Protein backbone atom coordinates (compact mmCIF):
# COMPACT_ATOMS: atom_id res chain seq x y z
CA MET A 1 0.10 -80.56 48.24
CA ARG A 2 1.66 -79.03 45.15
CA SER A 3 0.91 -75.36 44.65
CA MET A 4 -0.27 -74.21 41.29
CA PRO A 5 2.25 -72.00 39.39
CA THR A 6 1.21 -68.42 39.35
CA THR A 7 1.37 -66.52 36.11
CA LYS A 8 3.20 -63.25 36.25
CA GLN A 9 0.90 -60.45 35.21
CA THR A 10 2.45 -57.57 33.32
CA PRO A 11 1.17 -54.14 34.27
CA ILE A 12 -0.92 -52.46 31.65
CA THR A 13 0.35 -49.01 31.03
CA LYS A 14 -2.13 -46.36 30.14
CA GLN A 15 -1.35 -44.10 27.30
CA THR A 16 -1.43 -40.49 28.15
CA HIS A 17 -3.76 -38.14 26.35
CA ALA A 18 -0.78 -36.34 24.87
CA ALA A 19 0.57 -39.57 23.33
CA LYS A 20 -2.77 -40.32 21.69
CA GLN A 21 -2.81 -37.07 19.86
CA THR A 22 -1.53 -37.05 16.33
CA PRO A 23 0.49 -34.11 14.96
CA SER A 24 -2.60 -32.91 13.05
CA THR A 25 -4.66 -32.61 16.25
CA GLN A 26 -1.81 -30.96 18.08
CA VAL A 27 -1.53 -28.34 15.36
CA SER A 28 -5.25 -27.65 15.42
CA LYS A 29 -5.13 -26.86 19.16
CA LYS A 30 -2.47 -24.21 18.88
CA LEU A 31 -3.51 -20.85 20.17
CA PRO A 32 -3.96 -18.09 17.57
CA THR A 33 -1.10 -15.67 17.41
CA ALA A 34 -1.70 -12.08 18.39
CA ARG A 35 -1.98 -9.51 15.65
CA SER A 36 1.06 -7.40 15.11
CA SER A 37 0.68 -3.71 15.91
CA ALA A 38 3.51 -2.68 13.58
CA PRO A 39 2.68 -0.01 10.98
CA PRO A 40 2.02 -1.17 7.42
CA VAL A 41 5.06 -1.56 5.23
CA ILE A 42 5.31 -1.27 1.45
CA ALA A 43 6.78 -4.46 0.00
CA GLN A 44 8.58 -4.08 -3.32
CA ASP A 45 8.76 -7.64 -4.61
CA ALA A 46 10.89 -8.86 -7.49
CA ALA A 47 7.93 -9.03 -9.84
CA THR A 48 7.10 -5.34 -9.33
CA ARG A 49 10.69 -4.29 -9.90
CA SER A 50 10.99 -6.45 -13.01
CA LEU A 51 7.90 -4.80 -14.48
CA SER A 52 9.48 -1.39 -13.89
CA HIS A 53 12.69 -2.60 -15.57
CA GLY A 54 14.73 -1.46 -12.57
CA TRP A 55 14.07 2.28 -12.94
CA ASN A 56 11.68 4.62 -11.16
CA TRP A 57 9.30 5.53 -13.97
CA PRO A 58 6.79 7.51 -11.79
CA ILE A 59 9.53 9.96 -10.80
CA ALA A 60 10.57 10.32 -14.43
CA ALA A 61 6.94 11.01 -15.40
CA ALA A 62 6.61 13.49 -12.49
CA LEU A 63 9.71 15.40 -13.64
CA LEU A 64 8.35 15.53 -17.18
CA PHE A 65 5.01 16.79 -15.87
CA MET A 66 6.81 19.46 -13.83
CA ALA A 67 8.55 20.60 -17.00
CA VAL A 68 5.17 20.94 -18.72
CA ILE A 69 3.86 23.04 -15.80
CA PHE A 70 6.96 25.23 -15.94
CA TRP A 71 6.48 25.73 -19.68
CA ALA A 72 2.82 26.70 -19.20
CA SER A 73 3.78 29.16 -16.45
CA SER A 74 6.40 30.77 -18.70
CA ARG A 75 3.80 31.84 -21.25
CA THR A 76 2.73 35.45 -21.05
CA SER A 77 -0.92 34.52 -21.60
CA LEU A 78 -3.07 31.44 -21.85
CA PRO A 79 -6.00 30.90 -24.23
CA SER A 80 -9.18 32.42 -22.82
CA VAL A 81 -11.13 29.32 -23.85
CA MET A 82 -9.41 27.47 -21.00
CA PHE A 83 -11.12 29.70 -18.43
CA PRO A 84 -14.74 30.20 -19.51
CA ALA A 85 -15.85 31.00 -15.95
CA VAL A 86 -14.36 32.63 -12.89
CA GLY A 87 -12.55 30.14 -10.67
CA MET A 88 -11.90 27.59 -13.40
CA ASP A 89 -8.17 28.19 -13.07
CA LYS A 90 -8.33 26.88 -9.49
CA LEU A 91 -9.98 23.70 -10.76
CA TYR A 92 -7.26 23.24 -13.38
CA HIS A 93 -4.58 23.81 -10.74
CA GLY A 94 -6.18 21.18 -8.49
CA ILE A 95 -6.43 18.59 -11.27
CA ALA A 96 -2.88 19.21 -12.49
CA TYR A 97 -1.35 18.90 -9.04
CA ALA A 98 -3.49 15.87 -8.22
CA VAL A 99 -1.80 14.13 -11.15
CA LEU A 100 1.57 15.38 -9.91
CA GLY A 101 0.88 14.18 -6.36
CA TRP A 102 -0.14 10.75 -7.62
CA LEU A 103 3.05 10.42 -9.68
CA LEU A 104 5.25 11.62 -6.83
CA ALA A 105 3.65 9.17 -4.39
CA GLY A 106 4.21 6.32 -6.81
CA GLY A 107 7.84 7.33 -7.19
CA PHE A 108 8.49 7.77 -3.46
CA SER A 109 7.03 4.32 -2.81
CA PHE A 110 10.17 2.91 -4.46
CA TRP A 111 12.32 4.47 -1.72
CA LEU A 112 10.12 4.83 1.39
CA ARG A 113 8.72 1.82 3.23
CA SER A 114 5.92 3.59 5.12
CA PRO A 115 2.83 4.62 3.10
CA TYR A 116 2.22 7.54 5.47
CA TRP A 117 5.64 8.98 4.68
CA VAL A 118 4.92 8.46 0.98
CA VAL A 119 1.71 10.52 1.17
CA TRP A 120 3.34 13.19 3.34
CA SER A 121 6.42 13.51 1.12
CA ALA A 122 4.38 13.71 -2.09
CA THR A 123 2.14 16.41 -0.60
CA VAL A 124 5.06 18.50 0.67
CA VAL A 125 7.02 18.28 -2.59
CA GLY A 126 3.89 19.09 -4.61
CA ALA A 127 3.14 22.08 -2.35
CA LEU A 128 6.70 23.39 -2.61
CA TYR A 129 6.66 23.10 -6.36
CA GLY A 130 3.30 24.89 -6.48
CA PHE A 131 4.73 27.73 -4.40
CA SER A 132 7.81 27.96 -6.63
CA ASP A 133 5.58 27.94 -9.71
CA GLU A 134 3.59 30.93 -8.43
CA LEU A 135 6.85 32.69 -7.59
CA HIS A 136 8.03 32.00 -11.13
CA GLN A 137 4.83 33.48 -12.58
CA SER A 138 5.41 36.72 -10.66
CA PHE A 139 8.42 37.39 -12.92
CA VAL A 140 6.59 36.56 -16.17
CA PRO A 141 5.07 39.60 -17.97
CA GLY A 142 1.28 39.45 -17.95
CA ARG A 143 1.18 36.86 -15.17
CA ASP A 144 0.95 37.26 -11.41
CA ALA A 145 1.20 35.12 -8.30
CA SER A 146 -1.95 34.02 -6.49
CA GLY A 147 -2.33 32.62 -3.00
CA GLY A 148 -5.52 30.87 -4.07
CA ASP A 149 -3.59 28.97 -6.72
CA VAL A 150 -1.10 27.79 -4.10
CA ILE A 151 -3.94 26.51 -1.92
CA ALA A 152 -5.44 24.69 -4.91
CA ASP A 153 -2.02 23.19 -5.66
CA VAL A 154 -1.62 21.90 -2.09
CA ILE A 155 -5.11 20.39 -2.02
CA GLY A 156 -4.58 18.80 -5.42
CA ALA A 157 -1.24 17.28 -4.42
CA PHE A 158 -2.77 15.83 -1.25
CA VAL A 159 -5.75 14.39 -3.14
CA GLY A 160 -3.43 12.79 -5.69
CA ALA A 161 -1.25 11.27 -2.97
CA MET A 162 -4.35 9.91 -1.21
CA LEU A 163 -5.56 8.38 -4.48
CA TRP A 164 -2.25 6.53 -4.64
CA TRP A 165 -2.78 5.37 -1.02
CA VAL A 166 -6.28 4.08 -1.86
CA GLY A 167 -4.86 2.09 -4.77
CA TRP A 168 -2.03 0.72 -2.62
CA ARG A 169 -4.47 -0.25 0.16
CA TRP A 170 -6.79 -1.97 -2.32
CA ARG A 171 -3.91 -4.03 -3.72
CA GLN A 172 -2.84 -4.95 -0.18
CA LEU A 173 -6.32 -6.15 0.81
CA ARG A 174 -6.66 -8.05 -2.45
CA ALA A 175 -3.36 -9.83 -1.85
CA LYS A 176 -4.39 -10.74 1.70
CA SER A 177 -7.74 -12.13 0.56
CA GLY A 178 -5.99 -14.21 -2.12
CA ASN A 179 -3.60 -15.68 0.45
CA THR A 180 -6.50 -16.48 2.79
CA VAL A 181 -8.38 -18.35 0.07
CA GLU A 182 -5.23 -20.29 -0.80
CA ILE A 183 -4.65 -21.29 2.84
CA LEU A 184 -8.27 -22.34 3.38
CA THR A 185 -8.28 -24.54 0.30
CA ALA A 186 -5.05 -26.19 1.42
CA ARG A 187 -6.43 -27.10 4.86
CA PRO A 188 -8.15 -30.49 5.34
CA ASP A 189 -11.88 -30.55 5.89
CA HIS A 190 -12.54 -31.02 9.61
CA ALA A 191 -15.99 -32.46 8.95
CA THR A 192 -14.73 -35.35 6.79
CA ARG A 193 -11.43 -35.93 8.58
CA GLN A 194 -11.32 -39.29 10.38
CA PRO A 195 -10.43 -39.28 14.09
CA PRO A 196 -7.05 -40.69 14.98
CA LYS A 197 -6.90 -44.37 15.82
CA LEU A 198 -6.20 -45.19 19.46
């Protein structure tokens, strides 16, 4: 009796789950990266430097403002209309040194990478200049040095430096939100994306 020829069956290999996945699904299952604990850093991009034409204009403006303060302190008397009430000179000192602190912080941001060092440096330089200004007034006839004016100068310089920090922080958050919107619009819609073919 002739035996029937047997057909050789080829083994069916099963595809692994990893082989079925497309690169898009593999990317979507990546674990989120941990947030960096590094301190914030000031980034001076090429666009910012091109707008400043390569020179530190806030420092130049701060030096000019210091010259104006020195000129005002060299006068033997100031118009009485500037101080209609007692204590108004402290307010003027605070406002003037707030402007100085803001300019100094903007200038130091060109050289220092940490915003905390920018605020600290602007406050210290503003306070030292306020102290030297009061010392200068002690040698001007009709003028005298005042510890209250020094305190107003220090507070004003710190407030001005913090105003710069608020502006820097707002620009940083705005840039981050803009990048997030750009990334989200570039991603495919998971609801309408077709599953990979097996």
